[in-house]
Amino acid sequence: QRAWIALNHHKIPYEKVEVLVLKRKPGQALREATGYEKHPLVLKHHPSGLVPTLVDADEAEPAVYDSLICVEFCEDLATTGVVQGGTPLLPGDAVQRGRARIWADYVNKQICSQFYKVLVPKDLAVRAEAIEAFRAGLLKFQQEMKGPFFFGAQLSIVDIALFPWAYRAISVGIFETYRGPEFALDSKEFAGVYQWLKAC
């Protein structure tokens, strides 16, 4: 989703290819699927077959992958004039660009990685520890955010780094749906994040 947001933000033309297809026999229900198969195009261009993977239309250039790298790639296309993109996703000042990368990495490692630890493990102690780490990371993001977006008036790589997981956790309510009401993110405690999500 991060790459998709950056592609759309910078108005970069693209064709979306669904690369993960559930393995099912004809007539088999979704819940009976036995894993998934990967599209041959992604396997051809990404050693691990992971998404997102950006491939040029002619398949003449090496692929670009990893979601935050894809965001920066889209930014590079816009700032070098290859496309006439939207507002910059990285600040113009070198120090602030570095800060943006630090915060995007923080979001990735301290918030987003905890998301899956809440949902995937069966161990209740691991889930409880993960939701506390997720909340702590989100509170730190909220404290540092200038508003309405992380750096102020315009969307940045930091916002894009968090958005897909914040949307799932808050707008979709995935934690409380699958782990119970005690995993919900309080709208008062996270009022700043709720407002940020509306701005996004």
N, C-alpha and C. Protein backbone atom coordinates (compact mmCIF):
# COMPACT_ATOMS: atom_id res chain seq x y z
N GLN A 1 0.81 -1.20 0.00
CA GLN A 1 0.00 0.00 0.00
C GLN A 1 0.85 1.26 0.00
N ARG A 2 2.01 1.21 0.64
CA ARG A 2 2.87 2.40 0.67
C ARG A 2 3.28 2.79 -0.75
N ALA A 3 3.72 1.82 -1.53
CA ALA A 3 4.14 2.11 -2.91
C ALA A 3 2.96 2.65 -3.71
N TRP A 4 1.81 2.06 -3.53
CA TRP A 4 0.60 2.49 -4.25
C TRP A 4 0.25 3.93 -3.89
N ILE A 5 0.37 4.29 -2.60
CA ILE A 5 0.10 5.67 -2.17
C ILE A 5 1.07 6.63 -2.85
N ALA A 6 2.36 6.29 -2.86
CA ALA A 6 3.37 7.17 -3.47
C ALA A 6 3.17 7.28 -4.98
N LEU A 7 2.86 6.17 -5.64
CA LEU A 7 2.60 6.20 -7.08
C LEU A 7 1.44 7.13 -7.39
N ASN A 8 0.37 7.02 -6.62
CA ASN A 8 -0.79 7.88 -6.84
C ASN A 8 -0.51 9.33 -6.46
N HIS A 9 0.20 9.53 -5.37
CA HIS A 9 0.53 10.89 -4.93
C HIS A 9 1.30 11.64 -6.02
N HIS A 10 2.25 10.95 -6.63
CA HIS A 10 3.07 11.58 -7.67
C HIS A 10 2.52 11.38 -9.08
N LYS A 11 1.31 10.84 -9.16
CA LYS A 11 0.61 10.67 -10.45
C LYS A 11 1.47 9.90 -11.46
N ILE A 12 2.12 8.86 -10.99
CA ILE A 12 2.96 8.02 -11.84
C ILE A 12 2.07 6.93 -12.43
N PRO A 13 2.00 6.85 -13.76
CA PRO A 13 1.15 5.82 -14.35
C PRO A 13 1.69 4.41 -14.04
N TYR A 14 0.79 3.51 -13.74
CA TYR A 14 1.22 2.14 -13.43
C TYR A 14 0.08 1.17 -13.71
N GLU A 15 0.43 -0.07 -13.81
CA GLU A 15 -0.55 -1.15 -13.93
C GLU A 15 -0.37 -2.04 -12.72
N LYS A 16 -1.43 -2.24 -11.98
CA LYS A 16 -1.37 -3.08 -10.78
C LYS A 16 -1.57 -4.54 -11.18
N VAL A 17 -0.69 -5.40 -10.70
CA VAL A 17 -0.79 -6.84 -10.97
C VAL A 17 -0.97 -7.54 -9.63
N GLU A 18 -2.05 -8.30 -9.49
CA GLU A 18 -2.24 -9.09 -8.27
C GLU A 18 -1.25 -10.23 -8.30
N VAL A 19 -0.35 -10.25 -7.35
CA VAL A 19 0.72 -11.25 -7.39
C VAL A 19 0.49 -12.44 -6.48
N LEU A 20 -0.41 -12.32 -5.52
CA LEU A 20 -0.70 -13.43 -4.62
C LEU A 20 -2.10 -13.97 -4.90
N VAL A 21 -2.15 -15.21 -5.34
CA VAL A 21 -3.42 -15.84 -5.66
C VAL A 21 -3.58 -17.06 -4.76
N LEU A 22 -4.73 -17.16 -4.10
CA LEU A 22 -4.97 -18.30 -3.21
C LEU A 22 -4.96 -19.61 -3.98
N LYS A 23 -4.37 -20.63 -3.37
CA LYS A 23 -4.38 -21.97 -3.95
C LYS A 23 -5.70 -22.63 -3.58
N ARG A 24 -6.55 -22.81 -4.58
CA ARG A 24 -7.84 -23.46 -4.35
C ARG A 24 -8.18 -24.38 -5.50
N LYS A 25 -8.82 -25.47 -5.18
CA LYS A 25 -9.34 -26.36 -6.22
C LYS A 25 -10.68 -25.79 -6.66
N PRO A 26 -11.14 -26.10 -7.87
CA PRO A 26 -12.45 -25.60 -8.32
C PRO A 26 -13.54 -25.95 -7.31
N GLY A 27 -14.32 -24.95 -6.94
CA GLY A 27 -15.42 -25.14 -5.99
C GLY A 27 -15.01 -25.11 -4.53
N GLN A 28 -13.72 -24.99 -4.25
CA GLN A 28 -13.24 -24.97 -2.87
C GLN A 28 -13.49 -23.60 -2.23
N ALA A 29 -13.94 -23.59 -0.98
CA ALA A 29 -14.22 -22.35 -0.26
C ALA A 29 -12.91 -21.62 0.06
N LEU A 30 -13.01 -20.31 0.25
CA LEU A 30 -11.83 -19.50 0.58
C LEU A 30 -11.13 -20.01 1.83
N ARG A 31 -11.90 -20.34 2.87
CA ARG A 31 -11.29 -20.79 4.13
C ARG A 31 -10.57 -22.12 3.99
N GLU A 32 -10.82 -22.83 2.89
CA GLU A 32 -10.17 -24.13 2.66
C GLU A 32 -8.94 -24.00 1.77
N ALA A 33 -8.59 -22.77 1.42
CA ALA A 33 -7.40 -22.55 0.59
C ALA A 33 -6.16 -23.05 1.31
N THR A 34 -5.21 -23.54 0.54
CA THR A 34 -3.98 -24.10 1.13
C THR A 34 -2.78 -23.23 0.77
N GLY A 35 -2.79 -21.99 1.22
CA GLY A 35 -1.70 -21.08 0.91
C GLY A 35 -2.00 -20.26 -0.33
N TYR A 36 -0.94 -19.82 -0.99
CA TYR A 36 -1.11 -19.00 -2.18
C TYR A 36 0.03 -19.26 -3.16
N GLU A 37 -0.21 -18.84 -4.40
CA GLU A 37 0.81 -18.92 -5.44
C GLU A 37 1.19 -17.51 -5.83
N LYS A 38 2.43 -17.33 -6.24
CA LYS A 38 2.90 -16.01 -6.64
C LYS A 38 2.92 -15.89 -8.16
N HIS A 39 2.56 -14.72 -8.63
CA HIS A 39 2.54 -14.42 -10.07
C HIS A 39 3.95 -14.59 -10.64
N PRO A 40 4.09 -15.20 -11.81
CA PRO A 40 5.43 -15.40 -12.41
C PRO A 40 6.21 -14.10 -12.61
N LEU A 41 5.52 -12.99 -12.87
CA LEU A 41 6.21 -11.72 -13.10
C LEU A 41 6.99 -11.28 -11.86
N VAL A 42 6.37 -11.39 -10.68
CA VAL A 42 7.08 -10.98 -9.47
C VAL A 42 8.23 -11.94 -9.17
N LEU A 43 8.03 -13.22 -9.43
CA LEU A 43 9.11 -14.19 -9.19
C LEU A 43 10.29 -13.95 -10.13
N LYS A 44 10.00 -13.47 -11.31
CA LYS A 44 11.05 -13.18 -12.29
C LYS A 44 11.91 -11.99 -11.85
N HIS A 45 11.28 -11.01 -11.18
CA HIS A 45 11.98 -9.75 -10.89
C HIS A 45 12.38 -9.54 -9.43
N HIS A 46 11.89 -10.36 -8.54
CA HIS A 46 12.23 -10.21 -7.12
C HIS A 46 12.71 -11.55 -6.60
N PRO A 47 13.93 -11.60 -6.03
CA PRO A 47 14.49 -12.89 -5.61
C PRO A 47 13.62 -13.65 -4.61
N SER A 48 12.88 -12.92 -3.78
CA SER A 48 12.02 -13.58 -2.79
C SER A 48 10.55 -13.57 -3.19
N GLY A 49 10.23 -12.90 -4.28
CA GLY A 49 8.84 -12.84 -4.73
C GLY A 49 7.95 -12.03 -3.82
N LEU A 50 8.52 -11.02 -3.16
CA LEU A 50 7.74 -10.22 -2.22
C LEU A 50 7.16 -8.98 -2.89
N VAL A 51 6.14 -8.40 -2.26
CA VAL A 51 5.53 -7.18 -2.75
C VAL A 51 5.81 -6.06 -1.74
N PRO A 52 5.85 -4.81 -2.20
CA PRO A 52 5.69 -4.38 -3.59
C PRO A 52 6.97 -4.61 -4.39
N THR A 53 6.79 -4.80 -5.67
CA THR A 53 7.88 -4.88 -6.63
C THR A 53 7.50 -4.02 -7.81
N LEU A 54 8.30 -3.01 -8.12
CA LEU A 54 8.03 -2.13 -9.25
C LEU A 54 8.92 -2.54 -10.41
N VAL A 55 8.27 -2.78 -11.55
CA VAL A 55 8.96 -3.23 -12.76
C VAL A 55 8.58 -2.28 -13.88
N ASP A 56 9.58 -1.81 -14.66
CA ASP A 56 9.24 -0.92 -15.77
C ASP A 56 8.49 -1.70 -16.85
N ALA A 57 7.70 -1.00 -17.64
CA ALA A 57 6.80 -1.64 -18.61
C ALA A 57 7.52 -2.57 -19.58
N ASP A 58 8.74 -2.22 -19.97
CA ASP A 58 9.49 -3.05 -20.91
C ASP A 58 10.31 -4.14 -20.23
N GLU A 59 10.31 -4.14 -18.91
CA GLU A 59 11.12 -5.07 -18.12
C GLU A 59 12.60 -4.97 -18.48
N ALA A 60 13.02 -3.76 -18.88
CA ALA A 60 14.40 -3.54 -19.31
C ALA A 60 15.31 -3.15 -18.15
N GLU A 61 14.74 -2.59 -17.10
CA GLU A 61 15.52 -2.13 -15.94
C GLU A 61 15.34 -3.11 -14.78
N PRO A 62 16.31 -3.12 -13.87
CA PRO A 62 16.13 -3.95 -12.67
C PRO A 62 14.92 -3.47 -11.87
N ALA A 63 14.26 -4.38 -11.19
CA ALA A 63 13.09 -4.04 -10.38
C ALA A 63 13.50 -3.26 -9.13
N VAL A 64 12.56 -2.50 -8.61
CA VAL A 64 12.73 -1.79 -7.34
C VAL A 64 11.72 -2.41 -6.38
N TYR A 65 12.18 -2.76 -5.18
CA TYR A 65 11.26 -3.36 -4.22
C TYR A 65 11.59 -2.92 -2.80
N ASP A 66 10.77 -3.33 -1.88
CA ASP A 66 10.73 -2.91 -0.48
C ASP A 66 9.92 -1.62 -0.44
N SER A 67 8.90 -1.61 0.38
CA SER A 67 7.91 -0.53 0.31
C SER A 67 8.48 0.88 0.52
N LEU A 68 9.33 1.08 1.52
CA LEU A 68 9.87 2.43 1.72
C LEU A 68 10.85 2.82 0.63
N ILE A 69 11.57 1.86 0.07
CA ILE A 69 12.45 2.15 -1.06
C ILE A 69 11.61 2.51 -2.28
N CYS A 70 10.48 1.85 -2.46
CA CYS A 70 9.58 2.19 -3.57
C CYS A 70 9.04 3.61 -3.41
N VAL A 71 8.74 4.02 -2.18
CA VAL A 71 8.28 5.39 -1.93
C VAL A 71 9.37 6.38 -2.34
N GLU A 72 10.61 6.11 -1.93
CA GLU A 72 11.71 7.01 -2.29
C GLU A 72 11.96 6.98 -3.80
N PHE A 73 11.79 5.86 -4.44
CA PHE A 73 11.94 5.76 -5.89
C PHE A 73 10.91 6.66 -6.59
N CYS A 74 9.68 6.61 -6.13
CA CYS A 74 8.64 7.49 -6.69
C CYS A 74 9.00 8.95 -6.47
N GLU A 75 9.52 9.24 -5.29
CA GLU A 75 9.97 10.61 -4.98
C GLU A 75 11.08 11.05 -5.93
N ASP A 76 12.02 10.14 -6.19
CA ASP A 76 13.11 10.45 -7.12
C ASP A 76 12.59 10.73 -8.52
N LEU A 77 11.62 9.95 -8.98
CA LEU A 77 11.04 10.18 -10.30
C LEU A 77 10.42 11.57 -10.39
N ALA A 78 9.76 11.99 -9.30
CA ALA A 78 9.12 13.31 -9.28
C ALA A 78 10.12 14.44 -9.17
N THR A 79 11.11 14.30 -8.28
CA THR A 79 12.05 15.40 -8.06
C THR A 79 13.06 15.57 -9.20
N THR A 80 13.28 14.52 -9.98
CA THR A 80 14.20 14.64 -11.11
C THR A 80 13.47 15.02 -12.40
N GLY A 81 12.14 15.18 -12.30
CA GLY A 81 11.37 15.62 -13.46
C GLY A 81 10.96 14.53 -14.42
N VAL A 82 11.20 13.27 -14.07
CA VAL A 82 10.76 12.17 -14.93
C VAL A 82 9.24 12.18 -15.02
N VAL A 83 8.57 12.51 -13.89
CA VAL A 83 7.12 12.71 -13.86
C VAL A 83 6.86 14.03 -13.15
N GLN A 84 5.72 14.60 -13.44
CA GLN A 84 5.34 15.82 -12.71
C GLN A 84 4.49 15.39 -11.53
N GLY A 85 5.15 15.17 -10.42
CA GLY A 85 4.50 14.60 -9.25
C GLY A 85 3.80 15.61 -8.38
N GLY A 86 3.30 15.09 -7.24
CA GLY A 86 2.65 15.93 -6.25
C GLY A 86 3.69 16.63 -5.39
N THR A 87 3.25 17.09 -4.23
CA THR A 87 4.16 17.76 -3.30
C THR A 87 5.25 16.78 -2.86
N PRO A 88 6.44 17.28 -2.56
CA PRO A 88 7.53 16.37 -2.16
C PRO A 88 7.17 15.57 -0.90
N LEU A 89 7.60 14.33 -0.87
CA LEU A 89 7.38 13.46 0.28
C LEU A 89 8.56 13.50 1.25
N LEU A 90 9.66 14.07 0.81
CA LEU A 90 10.83 14.28 1.66
C LEU A 90 11.13 15.78 1.67
N PRO A 91 11.49 16.33 2.85
CA PRO A 91 11.81 17.76 2.93
C PRO A 91 13.00 18.11 2.03
N GLY A 92 13.10 19.38 1.66
CA GLY A 92 14.19 19.84 0.81
C GLY A 92 15.52 19.93 1.53
N ASP A 93 15.49 20.25 2.81
CA ASP A 93 16.69 20.38 3.62
C ASP A 93 17.29 19.01 3.91
N ALA A 94 18.61 18.88 3.74
CA ALA A 94 19.28 17.59 3.90
C ALA A 94 19.11 17.01 5.31
N VAL A 95 19.19 17.84 6.33
CA VAL A 95 19.03 17.36 7.70
C VAL A 95 17.60 16.85 7.92
N GLN A 96 16.64 17.62 7.42
CA GLN A 96 15.24 17.21 7.58
C GLN A 96 14.92 15.95 6.76
N ARG A 97 15.58 15.80 5.62
CA ARG A 97 15.41 14.57 4.84
C ARG A 97 15.93 13.37 5.64
N GLY A 98 17.06 13.58 6.29
CA GLY A 98 17.60 12.53 7.16
C GLY A 98 16.65 12.21 8.30
N ARG A 99 16.07 13.25 8.91
CA ARG A 99 15.10 13.06 10.00
C ARG A 99 13.88 12.28 9.50
N ALA A 100 13.44 12.61 8.28
CA ALA A 100 12.28 11.90 7.72
C ALA A 100 12.59 10.42 7.55
N ARG A 101 13.78 10.12 7.08
CA ARG A 101 14.17 8.71 6.92
C ARG A 101 14.26 8.01 8.27
N ILE A 102 14.79 8.70 9.27
CA ILE A 102 14.88 8.13 10.62
C ILE A 102 13.49 7.80 11.15
N TRP A 103 12.56 8.74 10.98
CA TRP A 103 11.21 8.53 11.50
C TRP A 103 10.46 7.46 10.70
N ALA A 104 10.66 7.41 9.40
CA ALA A 104 10.03 6.35 8.61
C ALA A 104 10.54 4.99 9.06
N ASP A 105 11.83 4.90 9.34
CA ASP A 105 12.42 3.66 9.83
C ASP A 105 11.89 3.33 11.22
N TYR A 106 11.75 4.34 12.07
CA TYR A 106 11.18 4.14 13.40
C TYR A 106 9.78 3.55 13.30
N VAL A 107 8.95 4.17 12.47
CA VAL A 107 7.58 3.70 12.28
C VAL A 107 7.59 2.24 11.82
N ASN A 108 8.44 1.94 10.87
CA ASN A 108 8.54 0.60 10.31
C ASN A 108 8.91 -0.43 11.37
N LYS A 109 9.94 -0.11 12.16
CA LYS A 109 10.48 -1.08 13.12
C LYS A 109 9.76 -1.10 14.46
N GLN A 110 9.33 0.06 14.94
CA GLN A 110 8.77 0.14 16.29
C GLN A 110 7.24 0.08 16.34
N ILE A 111 6.58 0.37 15.22
CA ILE A 111 5.11 0.34 15.22
C ILE A 111 4.61 -0.78 14.32
N CYS A 112 4.95 -0.70 13.05
CA CYS A 112 4.40 -1.66 12.08
C CYS A 112 4.79 -3.10 12.38
N SER A 113 6.00 -3.34 12.81
CA SER A 113 6.42 -4.71 13.10
C SER A 113 5.65 -5.28 14.29
N GLN A 114 5.22 -4.42 15.20
CA GLN A 114 4.43 -4.88 16.35
C GLN A 114 3.02 -5.30 15.93
N PHE A 115 2.52 -4.68 14.88
CA PHE A 115 1.17 -4.98 14.38
C PHE A 115 0.99 -6.48 14.17
N TYR A 116 1.94 -7.10 13.50
CA TYR A 116 1.84 -8.53 13.20
C TYR A 116 2.03 -9.38 14.45
N LYS A 117 2.79 -8.88 15.42
CA LYS A 117 2.99 -9.63 16.66
C LYS A 117 1.73 -9.65 17.52
N VAL A 118 0.84 -8.68 17.30
CA VAL A 118 -0.45 -8.68 17.98
C VAL A 118 -1.36 -9.74 17.34
N LEU A 119 -1.30 -9.87 16.03
CA LEU A 119 -2.25 -10.71 15.31
C LEU A 119 -1.82 -12.15 15.06
N VAL A 120 -0.53 -12.39 14.86
CA VAL A 120 -0.08 -13.71 14.42
C VAL A 120 0.21 -14.70 15.54
N PRO A 121 1.02 -14.36 16.54
CA PRO A 121 1.38 -15.36 17.56
C PRO A 121 0.17 -15.87 18.34
N LYS A 122 0.25 -17.11 18.76
CA LYS A 122 -0.79 -17.69 19.61
C LYS A 122 -0.53 -17.41 21.09
N ASP A 123 0.72 -17.12 21.42
CA ASP A 123 1.12 -16.86 22.80
C ASP A 123 0.52 -15.53 23.27
N LEU A 124 -0.33 -15.59 24.31
CA LEU A 124 -1.02 -14.41 24.81
C LEU A 124 -0.05 -13.36 25.37
N ALA A 125 1.03 -13.81 25.99
CA ALA A 125 2.01 -12.87 26.54
C ALA A 125 2.71 -12.09 25.43
N VAL A 126 3.00 -12.75 24.32
CA VAL A 126 3.62 -12.08 23.17
C VAL A 126 2.66 -11.05 22.60
N ARG A 127 1.39 -11.40 22.48
CA ARG A 127 0.38 -10.45 21.98
C ARG A 127 0.27 -9.23 22.89
N ALA A 128 0.21 -9.48 24.20
CA ALA A 128 0.07 -8.38 25.17
C ALA A 128 1.27 -7.44 25.10
N GLU A 129 2.46 -8.01 25.02
CA GLU A 129 3.68 -7.20 24.90
C GLU A 129 3.67 -6.39 23.60
N ALA A 130 3.21 -7.02 22.53
CA ALA A 130 3.20 -6.35 21.23
C ALA A 130 2.22 -5.19 21.18
N ILE A 131 1.03 -5.35 21.77
CA ILE A 131 0.05 -4.24 21.73
C ILE A 131 0.57 -3.07 22.57
N GLU A 132 1.27 -3.36 23.67
CA GLU A 132 1.84 -2.28 24.46
C GLU A 132 2.94 -1.56 23.68
N ALA A 133 3.76 -2.31 22.97
CA ALA A 133 4.82 -1.69 22.15
C ALA A 133 4.20 -0.89 21.00
N PHE A 134 3.14 -1.41 20.40
CA PHE A 134 2.44 -0.69 19.32
C PHE A 134 1.90 0.62 19.86
N ARG A 135 1.24 0.56 21.01
CA ARG A 135 0.67 1.78 21.62
C ARG A 135 1.77 2.79 21.96
N ALA A 136 2.85 2.30 22.54
CA ALA A 136 3.96 3.20 22.91
C ALA A 136 4.55 3.87 21.67
N GLY A 137 4.75 3.11 20.62
CA GLY A 137 5.27 3.67 19.37
C GLY A 137 4.35 4.70 18.77
N LEU A 138 3.06 4.40 18.81
CA LEU A 138 2.05 5.31 18.27
C LEU A 138 1.98 6.60 19.09
N LEU A 139 2.12 6.48 20.42
CA LEU A 139 2.13 7.67 21.27
C LEU A 139 3.33 8.55 20.97
N LYS A 140 4.48 7.93 20.77
CA LYS A 140 5.68 8.71 20.43
C LYS A 140 5.49 9.42 19.09
N PHE A 141 4.92 8.73 18.09
CA PHE A 141 4.61 9.34 16.80
C PHE A 141 3.70 10.55 17.03
N GLN A 142 2.66 10.36 17.83
CA GLN A 142 1.68 11.42 18.10
C GLN A 142 2.34 12.62 18.77
N GLN A 143 3.24 12.38 19.71
CA GLN A 143 3.93 13.47 20.42
C GLN A 143 4.84 14.27 19.49
N GLU A 144 5.46 13.60 18.55
CA GLU A 144 6.40 14.26 17.64
C GLU A 144 5.72 14.91 16.43
N MET A 145 4.50 14.50 16.15
CA MET A 145 3.78 14.98 14.97
C MET A 145 3.46 16.47 15.12
N LYS A 146 3.69 17.21 14.03
CA LYS A 146 3.42 18.64 14.03
C LYS A 146 1.96 18.94 13.67
N GLY A 147 1.35 18.10 12.86
CA GLY A 147 -0.05 18.23 12.46
C GLY A 147 -0.26 19.21 11.33
N PRO A 148 -1.21 18.97 10.45
CA PRO A 148 -2.08 17.80 10.44
C PRO A 148 -1.34 16.51 10.05
N PHE A 149 -0.19 16.67 9.34
CA PHE A 149 0.65 15.52 9.00
C PHE A 149 1.87 15.51 9.90
N PHE A 150 2.71 14.52 9.79
CA PHE A 150 3.83 14.38 10.72
C PHE A 150 4.73 15.61 10.73
N PHE A 151 5.11 16.11 9.54
CA PHE A 151 5.99 17.27 9.47
C PHE A 151 5.24 18.59 9.33
N GLY A 152 3.93 18.56 9.39
CA GLY A 152 3.17 19.80 9.29
C GLY A 152 2.13 19.76 8.20
N ALA A 153 2.24 20.70 7.26
CA ALA A 153 1.18 20.93 6.29
C ALA A 153 1.05 19.90 5.18
N GLN A 154 2.14 19.17 4.88
CA GLN A 154 2.01 18.25 3.75
C GLN A 154 2.44 16.83 4.07
N LEU A 155 1.85 15.92 3.33
CA LEU A 155 2.12 14.49 3.46
C LEU A 155 3.61 14.21 3.25
N SER A 156 4.14 13.26 4.03
CA SER A 156 5.56 12.90 3.89
C SER A 156 5.71 11.39 3.90
N ILE A 157 6.93 10.94 3.70
CA ILE A 157 7.25 9.52 3.74
C ILE A 157 6.91 8.91 5.10
N VAL A 158 7.00 9.71 6.16
CA VAL A 158 6.69 9.22 7.51
C VAL A 158 5.20 8.88 7.60
N ASP A 159 4.34 9.74 7.06
CA ASP A 159 2.91 9.48 7.06
C ASP A 159 2.58 8.22 6.25
N ILE A 160 3.21 8.11 5.10
CA ILE A 160 2.98 6.94 4.24
C ILE A 160 3.47 5.67 4.92
N ALA A 161 4.56 5.76 5.67
CA ALA A 161 5.09 4.59 6.37
C ALA A 161 4.06 4.03 7.36
N LEU A 162 3.33 4.91 8.04
CA LEU A 162 2.39 4.47 9.08
C LEU A 162 0.99 4.20 8.57
N PHE A 163 0.55 4.94 7.57
CA PHE A 163 -0.86 4.94 7.21
C PHE A 163 -1.51 3.55 7.07
N PRO A 164 -0.96 2.60 6.30
CA PRO A 164 -1.68 1.33 6.13
C PRO A 164 -1.96 0.60 7.45
N TRP A 165 -1.02 0.67 8.39
CA TRP A 165 -1.20 -0.02 9.66
C TRP A 165 -2.11 0.74 10.59
N ALA A 166 -2.02 2.06 10.61
CA ALA A 166 -2.92 2.87 11.44
C ALA A 166 -4.35 2.73 10.93
N TYR A 167 -4.53 2.71 9.62
CA TYR A 167 -5.86 2.55 9.04
C TYR A 167 -6.47 1.21 9.49
N ARG A 168 -5.69 0.14 9.40
CA ARG A 168 -6.20 -1.18 9.81
C ARG A 168 -6.51 -1.22 11.30
N ALA A 169 -5.62 -0.62 12.09
CA ALA A 169 -5.80 -0.68 13.54
C ALA A 169 -6.94 0.21 14.02
N ILE A 170 -7.09 1.40 13.43
CA ILE A 170 -8.08 2.36 13.92
C ILE A 170 -9.37 2.33 13.10
N SER A 171 -9.28 2.57 11.80
CA SER A 171 -10.49 2.65 10.98
C SER A 171 -11.18 1.30 10.82
N VAL A 172 -10.39 0.25 10.63
CA VAL A 172 -10.96 -1.09 10.47
C VAL A 172 -11.21 -1.75 11.83
N GLY A 173 -10.43 -1.39 12.83
CA GLY A 173 -10.58 -1.97 14.15
C GLY A 173 -10.16 -3.43 14.21
N ILE A 174 -9.08 -3.73 13.50
CA ILE A 174 -8.67 -5.13 13.36
C ILE A 174 -8.24 -5.77 14.68
N PHE A 175 -7.62 -5.00 15.57
CA PHE A 175 -7.16 -5.58 16.84
C PHE A 175 -8.34 -6.05 17.69
N GLU A 176 -9.33 -5.16 17.88
CA GLU A 176 -10.45 -5.55 18.72
C GLU A 176 -11.31 -6.62 18.06
N THR A 177 -11.36 -6.60 16.73
CA THR A 177 -12.14 -7.62 16.02
C THR A 177 -11.56 -9.01 16.23
N TYR A 178 -10.23 -9.12 16.13
CA TYR A 178 -9.60 -10.44 16.19
C TYR A 178 -8.96 -10.77 17.54
N ARG A 179 -8.73 -9.77 18.39
CA ARG A 179 -8.07 -10.04 19.67
C ARG A 179 -8.87 -9.59 20.88
N GLY A 180 -9.97 -8.87 20.67
CA GLY A 180 -10.83 -8.49 21.78
C GLY A 180 -10.78 -7.01 22.09
N PRO A 181 -11.79 -6.51 22.84
CA PRO A 181 -11.91 -5.08 23.10
C PRO A 181 -10.73 -4.48 23.86
N GLU A 182 -10.03 -5.30 24.65
CA GLU A 182 -8.88 -4.78 25.40
C GLU A 182 -7.73 -4.38 24.49
N PHE A 183 -7.81 -4.75 23.20
CA PHE A 183 -6.76 -4.39 22.24
C PHE A 183 -7.12 -3.13 21.44
N ALA A 184 -8.28 -2.55 21.71
CA ALA A 184 -8.71 -1.34 20.98
C ALA A 184 -7.81 -0.16 21.32
N LEU A 185 -7.69 0.77 20.38
CA LEU A 185 -6.91 1.99 20.59
C LEU A 185 -7.87 3.11 20.96
N ASP A 186 -7.74 3.60 22.18
CA ASP A 186 -8.65 4.59 22.72
C ASP A 186 -8.62 5.90 21.93
N SER A 187 -9.80 6.37 21.54
CA SER A 187 -9.89 7.57 20.71
C SER A 187 -9.46 8.84 21.45
N LYS A 188 -9.52 8.84 22.78
CA LYS A 188 -9.05 10.00 23.55
C LYS A 188 -7.54 9.97 23.69
N GLU A 189 -7.00 8.82 24.06
CA GLU A 189 -5.56 8.69 24.21
C GLU A 189 -4.83 8.95 22.89
N PHE A 190 -5.45 8.51 21.80
CA PHE A 190 -4.83 8.66 20.48
C PHE A 190 -5.58 9.69 19.62
N ALA A 191 -6.10 10.73 20.24
CA ALA A 191 -6.88 11.74 19.52
C ALA A 191 -6.07 12.37 18.38
N GLY A 192 -4.79 12.62 18.62
CA GLY A 192 -3.94 13.20 17.58
C GLY A 192 -3.78 12.28 16.39
N VAL A 193 -3.64 10.98 16.65
CA VAL A 193 -3.50 10.01 15.56
C VAL A 193 -4.82 9.88 14.81
N TYR A 194 -5.94 9.92 15.53
CA TYR A 194 -7.25 9.86 14.88
C TYR A 194 -7.41 11.05 13.92
N GLN A 195 -7.01 12.25 14.38
CA GLN A 195 -7.10 13.44 13.52
C GLN A 195 -6.14 13.33 12.33
N TRP A 196 -4.94 12.84 12.59
CA TRP A 196 -3.95 12.64 11.52
C TRP A 196 -4.51 11.70 10.47
N LEU A 197 -5.15 10.62 10.91
CA LEU A 197 -5.70 9.63 9.98
C LEU A 197 -6.76 10.27 9.09
N LYS A 198 -7.59 11.16 9.67
CA LYS A 198 -8.60 11.87 8.87
C LYS A 198 -7.93 12.77 7.83
N ALA A 199 -6.82 13.40 8.20
CA ALA A 199 -6.10 14.28 7.26
C ALA A 199 -5.49 13.49 6.11
N CYS A 200 -5.07 12.27 6.41
CA CYS A 200 -4.46 11.43 5.36
C CYS A 200 -5.49 11.06 4.32
